[in-house]
Amino acid sequence: MMNFAIAVHSYDGAVVIELVGEFDLDAAPTFGTMIAGQLERGERRFIVDLDKLTYIDSRGIYALIEMLRAVRGADGDACLVMANPRIARVMTIAGIERALPFAADRAGALAGLRTAVSGAIA
């Protein structure tokens, strides 16, 4: 049984994607499909909140990198919220802070989103 959920809502002109539970090999395709759907609807500014994750593996990390590439390839931007110390530690050990922009809260993530994006590649 999959222990993963995604909550999507708006926050000051951005789409907040809140990941809850275990973000792993089984959950990554659900996340990818959801991102593709948001891009098809024209959304371009994303905040991915990892605060309620209890676990992330290499496939979950890779899904976040794929998400950033897809969003930037569509002239958008994304920023992670990493306030959960356990998840932040895993991401730091994996060196993700060099590849994915992040902030400690949603307001910081919103401020970190680029307002004018033109052809950026992750």
PDB file of N, CA and C in Angstrom:
ATOM      1  N   MET A   1       0.838  -1.185   0.000  1.00  0.00           N
ATOM      2  CA  MET A   1       0.000   0.000   0.000  1.00  0.00           C
ATOM      3  C   MET A   1       0.881   1.245   0.000  1.00  0.00           C
ATOM      4  N   MET A   2       0.582   2.158  -0.897  1.00  0.00           N
ATOM      5  CA  MET A   2       1.391   3.356  -1.037  1.00  0.00           C
ATOM      6  C   MET A   2       1.052   4.359   0.060  1.00  0.00           C
ATOM      7  N   ASN A   3       2.094   4.859   0.711  1.00  0.00           N
ATOM      8  CA  ASN A   3       1.948   5.858   1.758  1.00  0.00           C
ATOM      9  C   ASN A   3       2.441   7.200   1.220  1.00  0.00           C
ATOM     10  N   PHE A   4       1.686   7.764   0.267  1.00  0.00           N
ATOM     11  CA  PHE A   4       2.091   9.001  -0.388  1.00  0.00           C
ATOM     12  C   PHE A   4       0.853   9.755  -0.835  1.00  0.00           C
ATOM     13  N   ALA A   5       0.898  11.072  -0.681  1.00  0.00           N
ATOM     14  CA  ALA A   5      -0.206  11.914  -1.144  1.00  0.00           C
ATOM     15  C   ALA A   5       0.357  13.230  -1.661  1.00  0.00           C
ATOM     16  N   ILE A   6      -0.398  13.835  -2.569  1.00  0.00           N
ATOM     17  CA  ILE A   6      -0.043  15.141  -3.114  1.00  0.00           C
ATOM     18  C   ILE A   6      -1.227  16.075  -2.905  1.00  0.00           C
ATOM     19  N   ALA A   7      -0.962  17.240  -2.312  1.00  0.00           N
ATOM     20  CA  ALA A   7      -1.975  18.287  -2.190  1.00  0.00           C
ATOM     21  C   ALA A   7      -1.519  19.451  -3.065  1.00  0.00           C
ATOM     22  N   VAL A   8      -2.430  19.976  -3.872  1.00  0.00           N
ATOM     23  CA  VAL A   8      -2.102  21.072  -4.789  1.00  0.00           C
ATOM     24  C   VAL A   8      -3.026  22.246  -4.495  1.00  0.00           C
ATOM     25  N   HIS A   9      -2.449  23.433  -4.321  1.00  0.00           N
ATOM     26  CA  HIS A   9      -3.251  24.639  -4.141  1.00  0.00           C
ATOM     27  C   HIS A   9      -2.449  25.856  -4.578  1.00  0.00           C
ATOM     28  N   SER A  10      -3.090  27.001  -4.628  1.00  0.00           N
ATOM     29  CA  SER A  10      -2.450  28.240  -5.071  1.00  0.00           C
ATOM     30  C   SER A  10      -1.904  29.019  -3.886  1.00  0.00           C
ATOM     31  N   TYR A  11      -0.832  29.757  -4.156  1.00  0.00           N
ATOM     32  CA  TYR A  11      -0.235  30.620  -3.143  1.00  0.00           C
ATOM     33  C   TYR A  11       0.380  31.819  -3.854  1.00  0.00           C
ATOM     34  N   ASP A  12      -0.279  32.938  -3.811  1.00  0.00           N
ATOM     35  CA  ASP A  12       0.239  34.201  -4.330  1.00  0.00           C
ATOM     36  C   ASP A  12       0.803  34.087  -5.754  1.00  0.00           C
ATOM     37  N   GLY A  13       0.032  33.495  -6.650  1.00  0.00           N
ATOM     38  CA  GLY A  13       0.434  33.394  -8.049  1.00  0.00           C
ATOM     39  C   GLY A  13       1.278  32.188  -8.401  1.00  0.00           C
ATOM     40  N   ALA A  14       1.504  31.317  -7.447  1.00  0.00           N
ATOM     41  CA  ALA A  14       2.278  30.098  -7.700  1.00  0.00           C
ATOM     42  C   ALA A  14       1.426  28.883  -7.335  1.00  0.00           C
ATOM     43  N   VAL A  15       1.796  27.743  -7.887  1.00  0.00           N
ATOM     44  CA  VAL A  15       1.150  26.485  -7.528  1.00  0.00           C
ATOM     45  C   VAL A  15       1.993  25.838  -6.433  1.00  0.00           C
ATOM     46  N   VAL A  16       1.373  25.547  -5.296  1.00  0.00           N
ATOM     47  CA  VAL A  16       2.059  24.842  -4.217  1.00  0.00           C
ATOM     48  C   VAL A  16       1.721  23.366  -4.339  1.00  0.00           C
ATOM     49  N   ILE A  17       2.758  22.558  -4.380  1.00  0.00           N
ATOM     50  CA  ILE A  17       2.607  21.111  -4.432  1.00  0.00           C
ATOM     51  C   ILE A  17       3.179  20.578  -3.125  1.00  0.00           C
ATOM     52  N   GLU A  18       2.295  20.090  -2.278  1.00  0.00           N
ATOM     53  CA  GLU A  18       2.708  19.586  -0.976  1.00  0.00           C
ATOM     54  C   GLU A  18       2.793  18.063  -1.050  1.00  0.00           C
ATOM     55  N   LEU A  19       3.998  17.538  -0.816  1.00  0.00           N
ATOM     56  CA  LEU A  19       4.207  16.096  -0.851  1.00  0.00           C
ATOM     57  C   LEU A  19       4.146  15.561   0.571  1.00  0.00           C
ATOM     58  N   VAL A  20       3.362  14.496   0.763  1.00  0.00           N
ATOM     59  CA  VAL A  20       3.129  13.943   2.092  1.00  0.00           C
ATOM     60  C   VAL A  20       3.451  12.453   2.084  1.00  0.00           C
ATOM     61  N   GLY A  21       4.231  12.006   3.074  1.00  0.00           N
ATOM     62  CA  GLY A  21       4.510  10.579   3.208  1.00  0.00           C
ATOM     63  C   GLY A  21       5.845  10.181   2.609  1.00  0.00           C
ATOM     64  N   GLU A  22       5.846   9.058   1.890  1.00  0.00           N
ATOM     65  CA  GLU A  22       7.071   8.464   1.353  1.00  0.00           C
ATOM     66  C   GLU A  22       7.179   8.704  -0.148  1.00  0.00           C
ATOM     67  N   PHE A  23       8.177   9.489  -0.541  1.00  0.00           N
ATOM     68  CA  PHE A  23       8.392   9.822  -1.950  1.00  0.00           C
ATOM     69  C   PHE A  23       9.476   8.893  -2.485  1.00  0.00           C
ATOM     70  N   ASP A  24       9.027   7.824  -3.141  1.00  0.00           N
ATOM     71  CA  ASP A  24       9.952   6.784  -3.570  1.00  0.00           C
ATOM     72  C   ASP A  24       9.637   6.322  -4.987  1.00  0.00           C
ATOM     73  N   LEU A  25      10.184   5.181  -5.357  1.00  0.00           N
ATOM     74  CA  LEU A  25      10.009   4.612  -6.691  1.00  0.00           C
ATOM     75  C   LEU A  25       8.538   4.486  -7.069  1.00  0.00           C
ATOM     76  N   ASP A  26       7.700   4.106  -6.138  1.00  0.00           N
ATOM     77  CA  ASP A  26       6.269   3.939  -6.421  1.00  0.00           C
ATOM     78  C   ASP A  26       5.544   5.278  -6.581  1.00  0.00           C
ATOM     79  N   ALA A  27       5.991   6.297  -5.858  1.00  0.00           N
ATOM     80  CA  ALA A  27       5.304   7.592  -5.863  1.00  0.00           C
ATOM     81  C   ALA A  27       5.758   8.513  -6.993  1.00  0.00           C
ATOM     82  N   ALA A  28       6.980   8.344  -7.463  1.00  0.00           N
ATOM     83  CA  ALA A  28       7.552   9.266  -8.459  1.00  0.00           C
ATOM     84  C   ALA A  28       6.699   9.412  -9.722  1.00  0.00           C
ATOM     85  N   PRO A  29       6.158   8.331 -10.309  1.00  0.00           N
ATOM     86  CA  PRO A  29       5.339   8.507 -11.518  1.00  0.00           C
ATOM     87  C   PRO A  29       4.084   9.353 -11.282  1.00  0.00           C
ATOM     88  N   THR A  30       3.463   9.227 -10.115  1.00  0.00           N
ATOM     89  CA  THR A  30       2.285  10.027  -9.782  1.00  0.00           C
ATOM     90  C   THR A  30       2.651  11.509  -9.770  1.00  0.00           C
ATOM     91  N   PHE A  31       3.784  11.824  -9.184  1.00  0.00           N
ATOM     92  CA  PHE A  31       4.277  13.200  -9.132  1.00  0.00           C
ATOM     93  C   PHE A  31       4.551  13.723 -10.543  1.00  0.00           C
ATOM     94  N   GLY A  32       5.231  12.928 -11.358  1.00  0.00           N
ATOM     95  CA  GLY A  32       5.540  13.337 -12.730  1.00  0.00           C
ATOM     96  C   GLY A  32       4.299  13.612 -13.555  1.00  0.00           C
ATOM     97  N   THR A  33       3.294  12.767 -13.414  1.00  0.00           N
ATOM     98  CA  THR A  33       2.035  12.946 -14.138  1.00  0.00           C
ATOM     99  C   THR A  33       1.330  14.218 -13.690  1.00  0.00           C
ATOM    100  N   MET A  34       1.355  14.485 -12.395  1.00  0.00           N
ATOM    101  CA  MET A  34       0.718  15.687 -11.862  1.00  0.00           C
ATOM    102  C   MET A  34       1.413  16.942 -12.385  1.00  0.00           C
ATOM    103  N   ILE A  35       2.748  16.940 -12.412  1.00  0.00           N
ATOM    104  CA  ILE A  35       3.499  18.094 -12.931  1.00  0.00           C
ATOM    105  C   ILE A  35       3.163  18.318 -14.403  1.00  0.00           C
ATOM    106  N   ALA A  36       3.147  17.251 -15.186  1.00  0.00           N
ATOM    107  CA  ALA A  36       2.821  17.366 -16.617  1.00  0.00           C
ATOM    108  C   ALA A  36       1.438  17.984 -16.803  1.00  0.00           C
ATOM    109  N   GLY A  37       0.480  17.568 -15.982  1.00  0.00           N
ATOM    110  CA  GLY A  37      -0.872  18.124 -16.062  1.00  0.00           C
ATOM    111  C   GLY A  37      -0.906  19.605 -15.725  1.00  0.00           C
ATOM    112  N   GLN A  38      -0.153  20.006 -14.713  1.00  0.00           N
ATOM    113  CA  GLN A  38      -0.095  21.426 -14.338  1.00  0.00           C
ATOM    114  C   GLN A  38       0.523  22.254 -15.462  1.00  0.00           C
ATOM    115  N   LEU A  39       1.578  21.737 -16.085  1.00  0.00           N
ATOM    116  CA  LEU A  39       2.209  22.449 -17.201  1.00  0.00           C
ATOM    117  C   LEU A  39       1.258  22.560 -18.387  1.00  0.00           C
ATOM    118  N   GLU A  40       0.505  21.497 -18.653  1.00  0.00           N
ATOM    119  CA  GLU A  40      -0.474  21.531 -19.754  1.00  0.00           C
ATOM    120  C   GLU A  40      -1.541  22.590 -19.513  1.00  0.00           C
ATOM    121  N   ARG A  41      -1.884  22.835 -18.244  1.00  0.00           N
ATOM    122  CA  ARG A  41      -2.881  23.855 -17.903  1.00  0.00           C
ATOM    123  C   ARG A  41      -2.294  25.267 -17.940  1.00  0.00           C
ATOM    124  N   GLY A  42      -1.010  25.376 -18.213  1.00  0.00           N
ATOM    125  CA  GLY A  42      -0.396  26.694 -18.327  1.00  0.00           C
ATOM    126  C   GLY A  42       0.302  27.201 -17.078  1.00  0.00           C
ATOM    127  N   GLU A  43       0.343  26.385 -16.035  1.00  0.00           N
ATOM    128  CA  GLU A  43       1.038  26.818 -14.811  1.00  0.00           C
ATOM    129  C   GLU A  43       2.540  26.842 -15.065  1.00  0.00           C
ATOM    130  N   ARG A  44       3.236  27.839 -14.495  1.00  0.00           N
ATOM    131  CA  ARG A  44       4.672  27.969 -14.724  1.00  0.00           C
ATOM    132  C   ARG A  44       5.477  28.261 -13.455  1.00  0.00           C
ATOM    133  N   ARG A  45       4.817  28.576 -12.351  1.00  0.00           N
ATOM    134  CA  ARG A  45       5.523  28.888 -11.102  1.00  0.00           C
ATOM    135  C   ARG A  45       5.108  27.868 -10.043  1.00  0.00           C
ATOM    136  N   PHE A  46       6.097  27.112  -9.550  1.00  0.00           N
ATOM    137  CA  PHE A  46       5.814  26.003  -8.643  1.00  0.00           C
ATOM    138  C   PHE A  46       6.640  26.100  -7.364  1.00  0.00           C
ATOM    139  N   ILE A  47       5.970  25.848  -6.260  1.00  0.00           N
ATOM    140  CA  ILE A  47       6.629  25.672  -4.968  1.00  0.00           C
ATOM    141  C   ILE A  47       6.339  24.233  -4.554  1.00  0.00           C
ATOM    142  N   VAL A  48       7.388  23.448  -4.360  1.00  0.00           N
ATOM    143  CA  VAL A  48       7.221  22.052  -3.956  1.00  0.00           C
ATOM    144  C   VAL A  48       7.617  21.959  -2.487  1.00  0.00           C
ATOM    145  N   ASP A  49       6.618  21.721  -1.640  1.00  0.00           N
ATOM    146  CA  ASP A  49       6.802  21.704  -0.190  1.00  0.00           C
ATOM    147  C   ASP A  49       7.078  20.275   0.271  1.00  0.00           C
ATOM    148  N   LEU A  50       8.291  20.056   0.794  1.00  0.00           N
ATOM    149  CA  LEU A  50       8.713  18.729   1.246  1.00  0.00           C
ATOM    150  C   LEU A  50       8.571  18.563   2.756  1.00  0.00           C
ATOM    151  N   ASP A  51       7.960  19.519   3.429  1.00  0.00           N
ATOM    152  CA  ASP A  51       7.912  19.537   4.889  1.00  0.00           C
ATOM    153  C   ASP A  51       7.213  18.321   5.497  1.00  0.00           C
ATOM    154  N   LYS A  52       6.239  17.741   4.788  1.00  0.00           N
ATOM    155  CA  LYS A  52       5.484  16.612   5.351  1.00  0.00           C
ATOM    156  C   LYS A  52       5.946  15.261   4.811  1.00  0.00           C
ATOM    157  N   LEU A  53       7.099  15.256   4.126  1.00  0.00           N
ATOM    158  CA  LEU A  53       7.650  13.971   3.703  1.00  0.00           C
ATOM    159  C   LEU A  53       8.246  13.261   4.909  1.00  0.00           C
ATOM    160  N   THR A  54       8.083  11.954   4.950  1.00  0.00           N
ATOM    161  CA  THR A  54       8.717  11.153   5.993  1.00  0.00           C
ATOM    162  C   THR A  54       9.909  10.384   5.442  1.00  0.00           C
ATOM    163  N   TYR A  55       9.997  10.293   4.101  1.00  0.00           N
ATOM    164  CA  TYR A  55      11.056   9.514   3.463  1.00  0.00           C
ATOM    165  C   TYR A  55      11.193   9.958   2.015  1.00  0.00           C
ATOM    166  N   ILE A  56      12.423   9.990   1.523  1.00  0.00           N
ATOM    167  CA  ILE A  56      12.674  10.215   0.104  1.00  0.00           C
ATOM    168  C   ILE A  56      13.855   9.342  -0.299  1.00  0.00           C
ATOM    169  N   ASP A  57      13.730   8.661  -1.440  1.00  0.00           N
ATOM    170  CA  ASP A  57      14.841   7.854  -1.932  1.00  0.00           C
ATOM    171  C   ASP A  57      15.404   8.481  -3.200  1.00  0.00           C
ATOM    172  N   SER A  58      16.355   7.800  -3.824  1.00  0.00           N
ATOM    173  CA  SER A  58      17.018   8.362  -4.999  1.00  0.00           C
ATOM    174  C   SER A  58      16.041   8.608  -6.141  1.00  0.00           C
ATOM    175  N   ARG A  59      15.017   7.777  -6.281  1.00  0.00           N
ATOM    176  CA  ARG A  59      14.035   7.980  -7.352  1.00  0.00           C
ATOM    177  C   ARG A  59      13.184   9.215  -7.086  1.00  0.00           C
ATOM    178  N   GLY A  60      12.866   9.471  -5.832  1.00  0.00           N
ATOM    179  CA  GLY A  60      12.144  10.691  -5.485  1.00  0.00           C
ATOM    180  C   GLY A  60      12.983  11.927  -5.759  1.00  0.00           C
ATOM    181  N   ILE A  61      14.267  11.860  -5.409  1.00  0.00           N
ATOM    182  CA  ILE A  61      15.174  12.976  -5.688  1.00  0.00           C
ATOM    183  C   ILE A  61      15.274  13.201  -7.192  1.00  0.00           C
ATOM    184  N   TYR A  62      15.423  12.126  -7.947  1.00  0.00           N
ATOM    185  CA  TYR A  62      15.520  12.250  -9.403  1.00  0.00           C
ATOM    186  C   TYR A  62      14.234  12.847  -9.986  1.00  0.00           C
ATOM    187  N   ALA A  63      13.083  12.479  -9.426  1.00  0.00           N
ATOM    188  CA  ALA A  63      11.807  13.036  -9.899  1.00  0.00           C
ATOM    189  C   ALA A  63      11.765  14.550  -9.689  1.00  0.00           C
ATOM    190  N   LEU A  64      12.350  15.035  -8.605  1.00  0.00           N
ATOM    191  CA  LEU A  64      12.409  16.482  -8.369  1.00  0.00           C
ATOM    192  C   LEU A  64      13.299  17.166  -9.406  1.00  0.00           C
ATOM    193  N   ILE A  65      14.418  16.535  -9.745  1.00  0.00           N
ATOM    194  CA  ILE A  65      15.308  17.091 -10.771  1.00  0.00           C
ATOM    195  C   ILE A  65      14.609  17.091 -12.127  1.00  0.00           C
ATOM    196  N   GLU A  66      13.916  15.994 -12.450  1.00  0.00           N
ATOM    197  CA  GLU A  66      13.150  15.931 -13.704  1.00  0.00           C
ATOM    198  C   GLU A  66      12.081  17.018 -13.746  1.00  0.00           C
ATOM    199  N   MET A  67      11.431  17.254 -12.612  1.00  0.00           N
ATOM    200  CA  MET A  67      10.403  18.289 -12.522  1.00  0.00           C
ATOM    201  C   MET A  67      10.995  19.654 -12.846  1.00  0.00           C
ATOM    202  N   LEU A  68      12.147  19.970 -12.255  1.00  0.00           N
ATOM    203  CA  LEU A  68      12.758  21.276 -12.503  1.00  0.00           C
ATOM    204  C   LEU A  68      13.122  21.429 -13.976  1.00  0.00           C
ATOM    205  N   ARG A  69      13.651  20.391 -14.586  1.00  0.00           N
ATOM    206  CA  ARG A  69      13.989  20.449 -16.011  1.00  0.00           C
ATOM    207  C   ARG A  69      12.745  20.683 -16.862  1.00  0.00           C
ATOM    208  N   ALA A  70      11.668  19.969 -16.546  1.00  0.00           N
ATOM    209  CA  ALA A  70      10.426  20.121 -17.318  1.00  0.00           C
ATOM    210  C   ALA A  70       9.850  21.523 -17.159  1.00  0.00           C
ATOM    211  N   VAL A  71       9.836  22.021 -15.932  1.00  0.00           N
ATOM    212  CA  VAL A  71       9.272  23.346 -15.656  1.00  0.00           C
ATOM    213  C   VAL A  71      10.110  24.427 -16.329  1.00  0.00           C
ATOM    214  N   ARG A  72      11.411  24.347 -16.189  1.00  0.00           N
ATOM    215  CA  ARG A  72      12.272  25.354 -16.833  1.00  0.00           C
ATOM    216  C   ARG A  72      12.250  25.221 -18.350  1.00  0.00           C
ATOM    217  N   GLY A  73      12.093  24.004 -18.843  1.00  0.00           N
ATOM    218  CA  GLY A  73      11.966  23.804 -20.283  1.00  0.00           C
ATOM    219  C   GLY A  73      10.708  24.435 -20.847  1.00  0.00           C
ATOM    220  N   ALA A  74       9.716  24.658 -19.977  1.00  0.00           N
ATOM    221  CA  ALA A  74       8.463  25.316 -20.370  1.00  0.00           C
ATOM    222  C   ALA A  74       8.483  26.798 -19.973  1.00  0.00           C
ATOM    223  N   ASP A  75       9.676  27.350 -19.771  1.00  0.00           N
ATOM    224  CA  ASP A  75       9.852  28.754 -19.374  1.00  0.00           C
ATOM    225  C   ASP A  75       9.209  29.074 -18.028  1.00  0.00           C
ATOM    226  N   GLY A  76       9.304  28.136 -17.097  1.00  0.00           N
ATOM    227  CA  GLY A  76       8.801  28.350 -15.754  1.00  0.00           C
ATOM    228  C   GLY A  76       9.916  28.235 -14.740  1.00  0.00           C
ATOM    229  N   ASP A  77       9.551  28.171 -13.475  1.00  0.00           N
ATOM    230  CA  ASP A  77      10.539  27.996 -12.417  1.00  0.00           C
ATOM    231  C   ASP A  77       9.896  27.263 -11.247  1.00  0.00           C
ATOM    232  N   ALA A  78      10.748  26.679 -10.416  1.00  0.00           N
ATOM    233  CA  ALA A  78      10.289  25.941  -9.242  1.00  0.00           C
ATOM    234  C   ALA A  78      11.290  26.125  -8.115  1.00  0.00           C
ATOM    235  N   CYS A  79      10.789  26.037  -6.898  1.00  0.00           N
ATOM    236  CA  CYS A  79      11.634  26.124  -5.716  1.00  0.00           C
ATOM    237  C   CYS A  79      11.082  25.150  -4.676  1.00  0.00           C
ATOM    238  N   LEU A  80      11.979  24.499  -3.944  1.00  0.00           N
ATOM    239  CA  LEU A  80      11.579  23.550  -2.911  1.00  0.00           C
ATOM    240  C   LEU A  80      11.491  24.242  -1.557  1.00  0.00           C
ATOM    241  N   VAL A  81      10.580  23.764  -0.710  1.00  0.00           N
ATOM    242  CA  VAL A  81      10.550  24.153   0.695  1.00  0.00           C
ATOM    243  C   VAL A  81      11.109  22.970   1.468  1.00  0.00           C
ATOM    244  N   MET A  82      12.227  23.211   2.165  1.00  0.00           N
ATOM    245  CA  MET A  82      12.868  22.129   2.922  1.00  0.00           C
ATOM    246  C   MET A  82      13.051  22.547   4.372  1.00  0.00           C
ATOM    247  N   ALA A  83      11.990  22.512   5.146  1.00  0.00           N
ATOM    248  CA  ALA A  83      12.062  22.841   6.562  1.00  0.00           C
ATOM    249  C   ALA A  83      12.213  21.587   7.418  1.00  0.00           C
ATOM    250  N   ASN A  84      11.882  20.423   6.859  1.00  0.00           N
ATOM    251  CA  ASN A  84      11.979  19.152   7.576  1.00  0.00           C
ATOM    252  C   ASN A  84      13.458  18.769   7.692  1.00  0.00           C
ATOM    253  N   PRO A  85      14.029  18.740   8.912  1.00  0.00           N
ATOM    254  CA  PRO A  85      15.462  18.497   9.053  1.00  0.00           C
ATOM    255  C   PRO A  85      15.914  17.142   8.501  1.00  0.00           C
ATOM    256  N   ARG A  86      15.096  16.119   8.647  1.00  0.00           N
ATOM    257  CA  ARG A  86      15.469  14.788   8.160  1.00  0.00           C
ATOM    258  C   ARG A  86      15.578  14.786   6.634  1.00  0.00           C
ATOM    259  N   ILE A  87      14.601  15.374   5.961  1.00  0.00           N
ATOM    260  CA  ILE A  87      14.616  15.426   4.496  1.00  0.00           C
ATOM    261  C   ILE A  87      15.721  16.367   4.021  1.00  0.00           C
ATOM    262  N   ALA A  88      15.891  17.502   4.690  1.00  0.00           N
ATOM    263  CA  ALA A  88      16.952  18.446   4.320  1.00  0.00           C
ATOM    264  C   ALA A  88      18.322  17.782   4.428  1.00  0.00           C
ATOM    265  N   ARG A  89      18.516  16.943   5.438  1.00  0.00           N
ATOM    266  CA  ARG A  89      19.799  16.251   5.603  1.00  0.00           C
ATOM    267  C   ARG A  89      20.056  15.298   4.440  1.00  0.00           C
ATOM    268  N   VAL A  90      19.051  14.523   4.056  1.00  0.00           N
ATOM    269  CA  VAL A  90      19.198  13.604   2.921  1.00  0.00           C
ATOM    270  C   VAL A  90      19.528  14.386   1.655  1.00  0.00           C
ATOM    271  N   MET A  91      18.822  15.478   1.433  1.00  0.00           N
ATOM    272  CA  MET A  91      19.044  16.285   0.236  1.00  0.00           C
ATOM    273  C   MET A  91      20.442  16.910   0.251  1.00  0.00           C
ATOM    274  N   THR A  92      20.913  17.333   1.415  1.00  0.00           N
ATOM    275  CA  THR A  92      22.249  17.910   1.523  1.00  0.00           C
ATOM    276  C   THR A  92      23.315  16.852   1.261  1.00  0.00           C
ATOM    277  N   ILE A  93      23.159  15.669   1.848  1.00  0.00           N
ATOM    278  CA  ILE A  93      24.108  14.575   1.620  1.00  0.00           C
ATOM    279  C   ILE A  93      24.173  14.232   0.142  1.00  0.00           C
ATOM    280  N   ALA A  94      23.025  14.257  -0.524  1.00  0.00           N
ATOM    281  CA  ALA A  94      22.969  13.935  -1.957  1.00  0.00           C
ATOM    282  C   ALA A  94      23.475  15.093  -2.827  1.00  0.00           C
ATOM    283  N   GLY A  95      23.722  16.254  -2.229  1.00  0.00           N
ATOM    284  CA  GLY A  95      24.216  17.405  -2.981  1.00  0.00           C
ATOM    285  C   GLY A  95      23.148  18.116  -3.788  1.00  0.00           C
ATOM    286  N   ILE A  96      21.894  17.914  -3.422  1.00  0.00           N
ATOM    287  CA  ILE A  96      20.778  18.451  -4.193  1.00  0.00           C
ATOM    288  C   ILE A  96      20.685  19.970  -4.111  1.00  0.00           C
ATOM    289  N   GLU A  97      21.174  20.548  -3.019  1.00  0.00           N
ATOM    290  CA  GLU A  97      21.062  22.006  -2.901  1.00  0.00           C
ATOM    291  C   GLU A  97      21.821  22.729  -4.008  1.00  0.00           C
ATOM    292  N   ARG A  98      22.763  22.044  -4.663  1.00  0.00           N
ATOM    293  CA  ARG A  98      23.470  22.657  -5.794  1.00  0.00           C
ATOM    294  C   ARG A  98      22.651  22.573  -7.080  1.00  0.00           C
ATOM    295  N   ALA A  99      21.727  21.623  -7.146  1.00  0.00           N
ATOM    296  CA  ALA A  99      20.951  21.405  -8.376  1.00  0.00           C
ATOM    297  C   ALA A  99      19.554  22.008  -8.322  1.00  0.00           C
ATOM    298  N   LEU A 100      18.974  22.060  -7.141  1.00  0.00           N
ATOM    299  CA  LEU A 100      17.595  22.523  -6.989  1.00  0.00           C
ATOM    300  C   LEU A 100      17.534  23.700  -6.020  1.00  0.00           C
ATOM    301  N   PRO A 101      16.897  24.801  -6.426  1.00  0.00           N
ATOM    302  CA  PRO A 101      16.746  25.927  -5.498  1.00  0.00           C
ATOM    303  C   PRO A 101      15.810  25.549  -4.351  1.00  0.00           C
ATOM    304  N   PHE A 102      16.127  26.025  -3.143  1.00  0.00           N
ATOM    305  CA  PHE A 102      15.270  25.708  -2.005  1.00  0.00           C
ATOM    306  C   PHE A 102      15.224  26.865  -1.023  1.00  0.00           C
ATOM    307  N   ALA A 103      14.218  26.824  -0.165  1.00  0.00           N
ATOM    308  CA  ALA A 103      14.032  27.836   0.877  1.00  0.00           C
ATOM    309  C   ALA A 103      13.497  27.141   2.121  1.00  0.00           C
ATOM    310  N   ALA A 104      13.498  27.855   3.243  1.00  0.00           N
ATOM    311  CA  ALA A 104      13.031  27.287   4.505  1.00  0.00           C
ATOM    312  C   ALA A 104      11.517  27.346   4.661  1.00  0.00           C
ATOM    313  N   ASP A 105      10.850  28.211   3.880  1.00  0.00           N
ATOM    314  CA  ASP A 105       9.397  28.320   3.982  1.00  0.00           C
ATOM    315  C   ASP A 105       8.812  28.749   2.634  1.00  0.00           C
ATOM    316  N   ARG A 106       7.491  28.772   2.564  1.00  0.00           N
ATOM    317  CA  ARG A 106       6.823  29.096   1.293  1.00  0.00           C
ATOM    318  C   ARG A 106       7.081  30.525   0.845  1.00  0.00           C
ATOM    319  N   ALA A 107       7.126  31.459   1.782  1.00  0.00           N
ATOM    320  CA  ALA A 107       7.390  32.854   1.412  1.00  0.00           C
ATOM    321  C   ALA A 107       8.781  32.983   0.795  1.00  0.00           C
ATOM    322  N   GLY A 108       9.757  32.301   1.377  1.00  0.00           N
ATOM    323  CA  GLY A 108      11.111  32.320   0.828  1.00  0.00           C
ATOM    324  C   GLY A 108      11.174  31.654  -0.534  1.00  0.00           C
ATOM    325  N   ALA A 109      10.426  30.570  -0.693  1.00  0.00           N
ATOM    326  CA  ALA A 109      10.382  29.884  -1.991  1.00  0.00           C
ATOM    327  C   ALA A 109       9.748  30.780  -3.044  1.00  0.00           C
ATOM    328  N   LEU A 110       8.676  31.463  -2.676  1.00  0.00           N
ATOM    329  CA  LEU A 110       8.013  32.373  -3.612  1.00  0.00           C
ATOM    330  C   LEU A 110       8.975  33.484  -4.041  1.00  0.00           C
ATOM    331  N   ALA A 111       9.715  34.024  -3.098  1.00  0.00           N
ATOM    332  CA  ALA A 111      10.688  35.077  -3.409  1.00  0.00           C
ATOM    333  C   ALA A 111      11.805  34.546  -4.306  1.00  0.00           C
ATOM    334  N   GLY A 112      12.098  33.243  -4.197  1.00  0.00           N
ATOM    335  CA  GLY A 112      13.162  32.639  -4.990  1.00  0.00           C
ATOM    336  C   GLY A 112      12.779  32.307  -6.415  1.00  0.00           C
ATOM    337  N   LEU A 113      11.496  32.350  -6.720  1.00  0.00           N
ATOM    338  CA  LEU A 113      11.063  32.055  -8.088  1.00  0.00           C
ATOM    339  C   LEU A 113      11.432  33.207  -9.004  1.00  0.00           C
ATOM    340  N   ARG A 114      11.946  32.872 -10.145  1.00  0.00           N
ATOM    341  CA  ARG A 114      12.262  33.909 -11.126  1.00  0.00           C
ATOM    342  C   ARG A 114      10.961  34.406 -11.744  1.00  0.00           C
ATOM    343  N   THR A 115      10.845  35.696 -11.905  1.00  0.00           N
ATOM    344  CA  THR A 115       9.619  36.248 -12.487  1.00  0.00           C
ATOM    345  C   THR A 115       9.675  36.253 -14.003  1.00  0.00           C
ATOM    346  N   ALA A 116      10.839  36.418 -14.569  1.00  0.00           N
ATOM    347  CA  ALA A 116      10.972  36.394 -16.028  1.00  0.00           C
ATOM    348  C   ALA A 116      11.928  35.279 -16.397  1.00  0.00           C
ATOM    349  N   VAL A 117      11.415  34.243 -16.996  1.00  0.00           N
ATOM    350  CA  VAL A 117      12.223  33.090 -17.364  1.00  0.00           C
ATOM    351  C   VAL A 117      12.190  32.971 -18.871  1.00  0.00           C
ATOM    352  N   SER A 118      13.362  32.884 -19.476  1.00  0.00           N
ATOM    353  CA  SER A 118      13.379  32.715 -20.928  1.00  0.00           C
ATOM    354  C   SER A 118      14.416  31.679 -21.323  1.00  0.00           C
ATOM    355  N   GLY A 119      13.949  30.495 -21.615  1.00  0.00           N
ATOM    356  CA  GLY A 119      14.806  29.440 -22.127  1.00  0.00           C
ATOM    357  C   GLY A 119      15.834  28.900 -21.148  1.00  0.00           C
ATOM    358  N   ALA A 120      15.595  28.997 -19.856  1.00  0.00           N
ATOM    359  CA  ALA A 120      16.547  28.464 -18.887  1.00  0.00           C
ATOM    360  C   ALA A 120      16.542  26.945 -18.928  1.00  0.00           C
ATOM    361  N   ILE A 121      17.700  26.375 -18.722  1.00  0.00           N
ATOM    362  CA  ILE A 121      17.826  24.914 -18.695  1.00  0.00           C
ATOM    363  C   ILE A 121      18.445  24.528 -17.365  1.00  0.00           C
ATOM    364  N   ALA A 122      17.847  23.539 -16.717  1.00  0.00           N
ATOM    365  CA  ALA A 122      18.351  23.088 -15.418  1.00  0.00           C
ATOM    366  C   ALA A 122      19.688  22.402 -15.578  1.00  0.00           C
TER     367      ALA A 122
END
